[in-house]
Amino acid sequence: MTLESLINNKKADLIYIEKNAKVLDAIKCMCDYKVGSLLIKSDSGRLKGILTERDILRFCSTRSGELENTEVGEIMTRDPITAPPNCSNEEAMTLMTERRFRHLPVVEDGKLLGIVSIGDLVKARLQDCTVEIEYLRDFISA
């Protein structure tokens, strides 16, 4: 399975936040939408950054008293690692595990198509394994 098929099946909206929004507003937005990351785009519409729960935790570990006054653009991950839509789920899992991040934007020709989390990839892998197990059980019992 490719990331393109995964994001097409996922049918989730992309959630953006302005880089000049306050971190406290970003936290509220993440809670409201029940997501672990928010996307930041440039004026031209290209992906400029991503703000993740981990970015916020790193910030809070040293400057937690500044949540209300700090802008998202100050703590976001700039120019995040992305993957093309034809990337396999296995390649994406390997990339995310080795580089230690949990949210991967899917981009083609500079256009953001979607985002997958490590949870999305694990869920897809479990579904693949379930189908394979059922197929093998049917084969053995036939």
N, C-alpha and C. Protein backbone atom coordinates (compact mmCIF):
# COMPACT_ATOMS: atom_id res chain seq x y z
N MET A 1 0.84 -1.18 0.00
CA MET A 1 0.00 0.00 0.00
C MET A 1 0.89 1.24 0.00
N THR A 2 0.42 2.27 -0.67
CA THR A 2 1.17 3.53 -0.73
C THR A 2 0.51 4.57 0.17
N LEU A 3 1.26 5.64 0.42
CA LEU A 3 0.71 6.73 1.23
C LEU A 3 -0.49 7.36 0.54
N GLU A 4 -0.46 7.41 -0.78
CA GLU A 4 -1.59 7.98 -1.51
C GLU A 4 -2.88 7.22 -1.22
N SER A 5 -2.83 5.91 -1.27
CA SER A 5 -4.04 5.14 -0.98
C SER A 5 -4.45 5.27 0.48
N LEU A 6 -3.48 5.39 1.36
CA LEU A 6 -3.78 5.56 2.78
C LEU A 6 -4.49 6.89 3.04
N ILE A 7 -3.98 7.98 2.47
CA ILE A 7 -4.63 9.28 2.72
C ILE A 7 -5.98 9.37 2.00
N ASN A 8 -6.13 8.68 0.87
CA ASN A 8 -7.43 8.67 0.20
C ASN A 8 -8.47 7.92 1.02
N ASN A 9 -8.05 6.84 1.68
CA ASN A 9 -8.97 6.07 2.53
C ASN A 9 -9.24 6.79 3.84
N LYS A 10 -8.29 7.56 4.29
CA LYS A 10 -8.40 8.26 5.57
C LYS A 10 -9.42 9.38 5.52
N LYS A 11 -9.48 10.11 4.44
CA LYS A 11 -10.44 11.20 4.23
C LYS A 11 -10.47 12.20 5.39
N ALA A 12 -9.31 12.56 5.89
CA ALA A 12 -9.25 13.52 7.00
C ALA A 12 -8.92 14.91 6.46
N ASP A 13 -9.51 15.91 7.09
CA ASP A 13 -9.22 17.29 6.72
C ASP A 13 -7.83 17.66 7.21
N LEU A 14 -7.17 18.51 6.45
CA LEU A 14 -5.89 19.06 6.89
C LEU A 14 -6.16 20.26 7.79
N ILE A 15 -5.49 20.32 8.90
CA ILE A 15 -5.74 21.40 9.86
C ILE A 15 -4.52 22.30 9.90
N TYR A 16 -4.75 23.54 9.54
CA TYR A 16 -3.69 24.54 9.47
C TYR A 16 -3.82 25.53 10.62
N ILE A 17 -2.71 26.18 10.92
CA ILE A 17 -2.69 27.29 11.86
C ILE A 17 -1.71 28.32 11.31
N GLU A 18 -1.99 29.56 11.58
CA GLU A 18 -1.11 30.64 11.13
C GLU A 18 0.16 30.65 11.98
N LYS A 19 1.29 31.00 11.35
CA LYS A 19 2.55 31.01 12.09
C LYS A 19 2.58 32.08 13.17
N ASN A 20 1.73 33.10 13.05
CA ASN A 20 1.70 34.15 14.07
C ASN A 20 0.65 33.90 15.16
N ALA A 21 -0.02 32.74 15.10
CA ALA A 21 -0.96 32.36 16.17
C ALA A 21 -0.16 32.05 17.43
N LYS A 22 -0.78 32.21 18.56
CA LYS A 22 -0.11 31.92 19.83
C LYS A 22 -0.11 30.41 20.10
N VAL A 23 0.94 29.94 20.77
CA VAL A 23 1.08 28.52 21.07
C VAL A 23 -0.11 28.02 21.87
N LEU A 24 -0.60 28.80 22.80
CA LEU A 24 -1.76 28.40 23.60
C LEU A 24 -2.99 28.17 22.72
N ASP A 25 -3.15 28.99 21.68
CA ASP A 25 -4.25 28.79 20.73
C ASP A 25 -4.04 27.51 19.93
N ALA A 26 -2.79 27.20 19.61
CA ALA A 26 -2.48 25.96 18.88
C ALA A 26 -2.82 24.74 19.73
N ILE A 27 -2.52 24.81 21.02
CA ILE A 27 -2.84 23.70 21.92
C ILE A 27 -4.36 23.49 21.96
N LYS A 28 -5.10 24.58 22.06
CA LYS A 28 -6.56 24.48 22.07
C LYS A 28 -7.07 23.88 20.76
N CYS A 29 -6.49 24.29 19.66
CA CYS A 29 -6.89 23.77 18.35
C CYS A 29 -6.62 22.27 18.26
N MET A 30 -5.45 21.84 18.72
CA MET A 30 -5.13 20.41 18.72
C MET A 30 -6.12 19.62 19.56
N CYS A 31 -6.48 20.17 20.70
CA CYS A 31 -7.45 19.50 21.58
C CYS A 31 -8.84 19.46 20.94
N ASP A 32 -9.26 20.57 20.34
CA ASP A 32 -10.58 20.63 19.71
C ASP A 32 -10.71 19.62 18.57
N TYR A 33 -9.66 19.49 17.77
CA TYR A 33 -9.70 18.59 16.62
C TYR A 33 -9.18 17.19 16.92
N LYS A 34 -8.67 17.00 18.14
CA LYS A 34 -8.12 15.70 18.57
C LYS A 34 -7.02 15.22 17.61
N VAL A 35 -6.05 16.13 17.37
CA VAL A 35 -4.91 15.82 16.51
C VAL A 35 -3.61 16.10 17.24
N GLY A 36 -2.54 15.53 16.76
CA GLY A 36 -1.23 15.71 17.39
C GLY A 36 -0.31 16.65 16.63
N SER A 37 -0.83 17.25 15.55
CA SER A 37 0.01 18.18 14.79
C SER A 37 -0.87 19.15 14.02
N LEU A 38 -0.29 20.30 13.74
CA LEU A 38 -0.94 21.33 12.92
C LEU A 38 0.03 21.74 11.83
N LEU A 39 -0.51 22.08 10.68
CA LEU A 39 0.32 22.46 9.54
C LEU A 39 0.37 23.97 9.39
N ILE A 40 1.51 24.46 8.93
CA ILE A 40 1.69 25.89 8.69
C ILE A 40 2.11 26.04 7.23
N LYS A 41 1.38 26.89 6.50
CA LYS A 41 1.75 27.07 5.09
C LYS A 41 2.23 28.50 4.86
N SER A 42 3.01 28.64 3.81
CA SER A 42 3.53 29.95 3.44
C SER A 42 2.44 30.75 2.74
N ASP A 43 2.74 32.00 2.44
CA ASP A 43 1.78 32.85 1.73
C ASP A 43 1.44 32.29 0.35
N SER A 44 2.38 31.54 -0.23
CA SER A 44 2.14 30.95 -1.55
C SER A 44 1.42 29.60 -1.47
N GLY A 45 1.12 29.15 -0.26
CA GLY A 45 0.38 27.90 -0.10
C GLY A 45 1.22 26.66 0.08
N ARG A 46 2.53 26.80 0.07
CA ARG A 46 3.41 25.64 0.27
C ARG A 46 3.58 25.35 1.75
N LEU A 47 3.88 24.12 2.06
CA LEU A 47 4.10 23.71 3.44
C LEU A 47 5.35 24.40 3.98
N LYS A 48 5.18 25.15 5.04
CA LYS A 48 6.30 25.89 5.63
C LYS A 48 6.80 25.22 6.90
N GLY A 49 5.88 24.59 7.63
CA GLY A 49 6.27 23.96 8.88
C GLY A 49 5.17 23.10 9.43
N ILE A 50 5.50 22.46 10.54
CA ILE A 50 4.54 21.63 11.26
C ILE A 50 4.77 21.87 12.74
N LEU A 51 3.68 21.96 13.47
CA LEU A 51 3.76 22.09 14.92
C LEU A 51 3.21 20.81 15.51
N THR A 52 4.03 20.14 16.29
CA THR A 52 3.62 18.87 16.87
C THR A 52 3.57 18.96 18.39
N GLU A 53 2.95 17.97 18.98
CA GLU A 53 2.91 17.89 20.44
C GLU A 53 4.33 17.91 21.00
N ARG A 54 5.22 17.24 20.33
CA ARG A 54 6.61 17.18 20.79
C ARG A 54 7.28 18.56 20.75
N ASP A 55 6.99 19.36 19.72
CA ASP A 55 7.52 20.73 19.66
C ASP A 55 7.06 21.52 20.88
N ILE A 56 5.79 21.36 21.22
CA ILE A 56 5.23 22.09 22.36
C ILE A 56 5.86 21.61 23.67
N LEU A 57 6.04 20.30 23.81
CA LEU A 57 6.66 19.78 25.03
C LEU A 57 8.09 20.28 25.20
N ARG A 58 8.84 20.30 24.11
CA ARG A 58 10.21 20.82 24.19
C ARG A 58 10.22 22.28 24.64
N PHE A 59 9.31 23.05 24.10
CA PHE A 59 9.20 24.46 24.48
C PHE A 59 8.82 24.58 25.96
N CYS A 60 7.84 23.80 26.37
CA CYS A 60 7.36 23.87 27.77
C CYS A 60 8.44 23.45 28.76
N SER A 61 9.36 22.61 28.36
CA SER A 61 10.38 22.14 29.29
C SER A 61 11.31 23.27 29.73
N THR A 62 11.36 24.35 28.95
CA THR A 62 12.25 25.46 29.31
C THR A 62 11.54 26.80 29.47
N ARG A 63 10.38 26.95 28.80
CA ARG A 63 9.74 28.27 28.78
C ARG A 63 8.22 28.18 28.93
N SER A 64 7.73 27.32 29.78
CA SER A 64 6.29 27.08 29.87
C SER A 64 5.49 28.32 30.24
N GLY A 65 6.07 29.25 30.93
CA GLY A 65 5.35 30.45 31.32
C GLY A 65 5.10 31.41 30.18
N GLU A 66 5.61 31.09 28.99
CA GLU A 66 5.50 32.00 27.85
C GLU A 66 4.51 31.51 26.78
N LEU A 67 3.68 30.53 27.12
CA LEU A 67 2.76 29.95 26.14
C LEU A 67 1.81 30.99 25.54
N GLU A 68 1.35 31.91 26.35
CA GLU A 68 0.35 32.87 25.88
C GLU A 68 0.93 33.91 24.92
N ASN A 69 2.23 34.15 25.00
CA ASN A 69 2.82 35.22 24.20
C ASN A 69 3.71 34.74 23.07
N THR A 70 4.01 33.47 23.01
CA THR A 70 4.90 32.93 21.98
C THR A 70 4.10 32.53 20.75
N GLU A 71 4.64 32.86 19.58
CA GLU A 71 3.98 32.51 18.32
C GLU A 71 4.40 31.13 17.84
N VAL A 72 3.49 30.48 17.16
CA VAL A 72 3.73 29.15 16.60
C VAL A 72 5.00 29.13 15.75
N GLY A 73 5.21 30.17 14.96
CA GLY A 73 6.37 30.23 14.07
C GLY A 73 7.70 30.14 14.79
N GLU A 74 7.72 30.49 16.07
CA GLU A 74 8.97 30.44 16.84
C GLU A 74 9.36 29.01 17.24
N ILE A 75 8.38 28.13 17.37
CA ILE A 75 8.70 26.79 17.88
C ILE A 75 8.38 25.66 16.90
N MET A 76 7.75 25.97 15.78
CA MET A 76 7.39 24.92 14.83
C MET A 76 8.64 24.28 14.23
N THR A 77 8.46 23.09 13.70
CA THR A 77 9.52 22.44 12.93
C THR A 77 9.45 23.01 11.52
N ARG A 78 10.51 23.69 11.12
CA ARG A 78 10.55 24.31 9.80
C ARG A 78 10.94 23.29 8.74
N ASP A 79 10.37 23.46 7.56
CA ASP A 79 10.68 22.58 6.43
C ASP A 79 10.71 21.11 6.85
N PRO A 80 9.59 20.58 7.29
CA PRO A 80 9.56 19.20 7.77
C PRO A 80 9.87 18.20 6.67
N ILE A 81 10.32 17.04 7.08
CA ILE A 81 10.54 15.94 6.15
C ILE A 81 9.18 15.55 5.58
N THR A 82 9.13 15.34 4.28
CA THR A 82 7.90 14.94 3.61
C THR A 82 8.15 13.68 2.79
N ALA A 83 7.08 13.10 2.30
CA ALA A 83 7.19 11.91 1.46
C ALA A 83 6.28 12.09 0.24
N PRO A 84 6.64 11.47 -0.87
CA PRO A 84 5.78 11.52 -2.06
C PRO A 84 4.62 10.53 -1.90
N PRO A 85 3.56 10.73 -2.66
CA PRO A 85 2.40 9.84 -2.52
C PRO A 85 2.67 8.39 -2.91
N ASN A 86 3.68 8.15 -3.73
CA ASN A 86 3.98 6.77 -4.13
C ASN A 86 4.90 6.04 -3.14
N CYS A 87 5.24 6.68 -2.04
CA CYS A 87 6.05 6.07 -0.99
C CYS A 87 5.23 4.94 -0.36
N SER A 88 5.87 3.80 -0.13
CA SER A 88 5.16 2.69 0.50
C SER A 88 5.00 2.95 1.99
N ASN A 89 4.00 2.31 2.57
CA ASN A 89 3.79 2.45 4.01
C ASN A 89 5.01 1.96 4.78
N GLU A 90 5.64 0.90 4.31
CA GLU A 90 6.82 0.35 4.98
C GLU A 90 7.97 1.34 4.95
N GLU A 91 8.18 1.98 3.81
CA GLU A 91 9.24 3.00 3.71
C GLU A 91 8.95 4.17 4.65
N ALA A 92 7.70 4.57 4.71
CA ALA A 92 7.32 5.68 5.59
C ALA A 92 7.54 5.31 7.06
N MET A 93 7.15 4.09 7.43
CA MET A 93 7.35 3.64 8.81
C MET A 93 8.84 3.62 9.17
N THR A 94 9.65 3.15 8.26
CA THR A 94 11.10 3.11 8.50
C THR A 94 11.65 4.52 8.67
N LEU A 95 11.27 5.42 7.78
CA LEU A 95 11.73 6.81 7.85
C LEU A 95 11.33 7.44 9.19
N MET A 96 10.08 7.27 9.56
CA MET A 96 9.58 7.89 10.79
C MET A 96 10.24 7.29 12.03
N THR A 97 10.47 6.00 12.01
CA THR A 97 11.11 5.33 13.16
C THR A 97 12.57 5.75 13.28
N GLU A 98 13.28 5.74 12.17
CA GLU A 98 14.71 6.09 12.20
C GLU A 98 14.93 7.56 12.55
N ARG A 99 14.07 8.44 12.05
CA ARG A 99 14.24 9.88 12.29
C ARG A 99 13.49 10.37 13.53
N ARG A 100 12.72 9.48 14.16
CA ARG A 100 12.04 9.73 15.43
C ARG A 100 11.02 10.87 15.36
N PHE A 101 10.09 10.75 14.41
CA PHE A 101 8.95 11.67 14.38
C PHE A 101 7.70 10.87 14.06
N ARG A 102 6.53 11.46 14.34
CA ARG A 102 5.28 10.71 14.26
C ARG A 102 4.28 11.23 13.25
N HIS A 103 4.57 12.32 12.57
CA HIS A 103 3.65 12.89 11.58
C HIS A 103 4.41 13.18 10.30
N LEU A 104 3.90 12.66 9.19
CA LEU A 104 4.59 12.76 7.90
C LEU A 104 3.67 13.38 6.85
N PRO A 105 3.97 14.62 6.45
CA PRO A 105 3.19 15.23 5.36
C PRO A 105 3.49 14.53 4.03
N VAL A 106 2.45 14.36 3.23
CA VAL A 106 2.57 13.75 1.91
C VAL A 106 2.44 14.89 0.89
N VAL A 107 3.50 15.07 0.10
CA VAL A 107 3.59 16.23 -0.80
C VAL A 107 3.96 15.76 -2.20
N GLU A 108 3.30 16.38 -3.19
CA GLU A 108 3.65 16.11 -4.60
C GLU A 108 3.71 17.45 -5.33
N ASP A 109 4.82 17.69 -6.01
CA ASP A 109 5.03 18.93 -6.76
C ASP A 109 4.74 20.17 -5.90
N GLY A 110 5.17 20.11 -4.65
CA GLY A 110 5.00 21.24 -3.74
C GLY A 110 3.61 21.36 -3.13
N LYS A 111 2.68 20.51 -3.55
CA LYS A 111 1.31 20.57 -3.04
C LYS A 111 1.11 19.52 -1.95
N LEU A 112 0.58 19.98 -0.82
CA LEU A 112 0.31 19.08 0.30
C LEU A 112 -0.96 18.29 0.01
N LEU A 113 -0.83 16.95 -0.01
CA LEU A 113 -1.97 16.09 -0.32
C LEU A 113 -2.63 15.55 0.95
N GLY A 114 -1.84 15.41 2.00
CA GLY A 114 -2.37 14.86 3.24
C GLY A 114 -1.26 14.68 4.24
N ILE A 115 -1.60 14.08 5.36
CA ILE A 115 -0.62 13.80 6.40
C ILE A 115 -0.97 12.45 7.01
N VAL A 116 0.06 11.67 7.31
CA VAL A 116 -0.15 10.38 7.96
C VAL A 116 0.62 10.37 9.28
N SER A 117 0.05 9.68 10.23
CA SER A 117 0.72 9.51 11.51
C SER A 117 1.25 8.09 11.60
N ILE A 118 2.14 7.87 12.53
CA ILE A 118 2.65 6.51 12.73
C ILE A 118 1.49 5.59 13.10
N GLY A 119 0.50 6.14 13.81
CA GLY A 119 -0.69 5.35 14.16
C GLY A 119 -1.46 4.91 12.93
N ASP A 120 -1.57 5.78 11.93
CA ASP A 120 -2.24 5.42 10.67
C ASP A 120 -1.52 4.27 9.99
N LEU A 121 -0.19 4.34 10.01
CA LEU A 121 0.61 3.30 9.35
C LEU A 121 0.51 1.97 10.10
N VAL A 122 0.53 2.02 11.41
CA VAL A 122 0.40 0.79 12.21
C VAL A 122 -0.97 0.16 11.97
N LYS A 123 -2.01 0.99 11.96
CA LYS A 123 -3.37 0.49 11.73
C LYS A 123 -3.48 -0.19 10.36
N ALA A 124 -2.91 0.43 9.34
CA ALA A 124 -2.94 -0.15 7.99
C ALA A 124 -2.18 -1.47 7.96
N ARG A 125 -1.05 -1.52 8.65
CA ARG A 125 -0.25 -2.76 8.69
C ARG A 125 -1.01 -3.87 9.39
N LEU A 126 -1.68 -3.53 10.49
CA LEU A 126 -2.48 -4.54 11.20
C LEU A 126 -3.61 -5.08 10.32
N GLN A 127 -4.24 -4.20 9.55
CA GLN A 127 -5.29 -4.64 8.63
C GLN A 127 -4.72 -5.59 7.58
N ASP A 128 -3.54 -5.26 7.05
CA ASP A 128 -2.89 -6.13 6.07
C ASP A 128 -2.60 -7.50 6.66
N CYS A 129 -2.09 -7.50 7.89
CA CYS A 129 -1.78 -8.77 8.57
C CYS A 129 -3.03 -9.59 8.81
N THR A 130 -4.12 -8.94 9.18
CA THR A 130 -5.38 -9.64 9.43
C THR A 130 -5.88 -10.31 8.16
N VAL A 131 -5.82 -9.60 7.05
CA VAL A 131 -6.24 -10.16 5.76
C VAL A 131 -5.35 -11.35 5.39
N GLU A 132 -4.05 -11.21 5.58
CA GLU A 132 -3.12 -12.29 5.25
C GLU A 132 -3.38 -13.51 6.11
N ILE A 133 -3.62 -13.32 7.39
CA ILE A 133 -3.90 -14.44 8.31
C ILE A 133 -5.17 -15.17 7.88
N GLU A 134 -6.22 -14.40 7.55
CA GLU A 134 -7.47 -15.02 7.10
C GLU A 134 -7.25 -15.82 5.82
N TYR A 135 -6.48 -15.27 4.90
CA TYR A 135 -6.19 -15.96 3.65
C TYR A 135 -5.46 -17.27 3.93
N LEU A 136 -4.45 -17.23 4.81
CA LEU A 136 -3.69 -18.44 5.14
C LEU A 136 -4.55 -19.46 5.85
N ARG A 137 -5.43 -19.02 6.74
CA ARG A 137 -6.35 -19.95 7.42
C ARG A 137 -7.27 -20.64 6.41
N ASP A 138 -7.81 -19.86 5.48
CA ASP A 138 -8.66 -20.45 4.45
C ASP A 138 -7.89 -21.43 3.59
N PHE A 139 -6.65 -21.10 3.27
CA PHE A 139 -5.81 -21.97 2.44
C PHE A 139 -5.52 -23.29 3.16
N ILE A 140 -5.20 -23.20 4.44
CA ILE A 140 -4.86 -24.41 5.22
C ILE A 140 -6.08 -25.31 5.41
N SER A 141 -7.23 -24.70 5.64
CA SER A 141 -8.43 -25.49 5.91
C SER A 141 -9.09 -26.03 4.63
N ALA A 142 -8.64 -25.59 3.47
CA ALA A 142 -9.24 -26.05 2.21
C ALA A 142 -8.70 -27.40 1.79
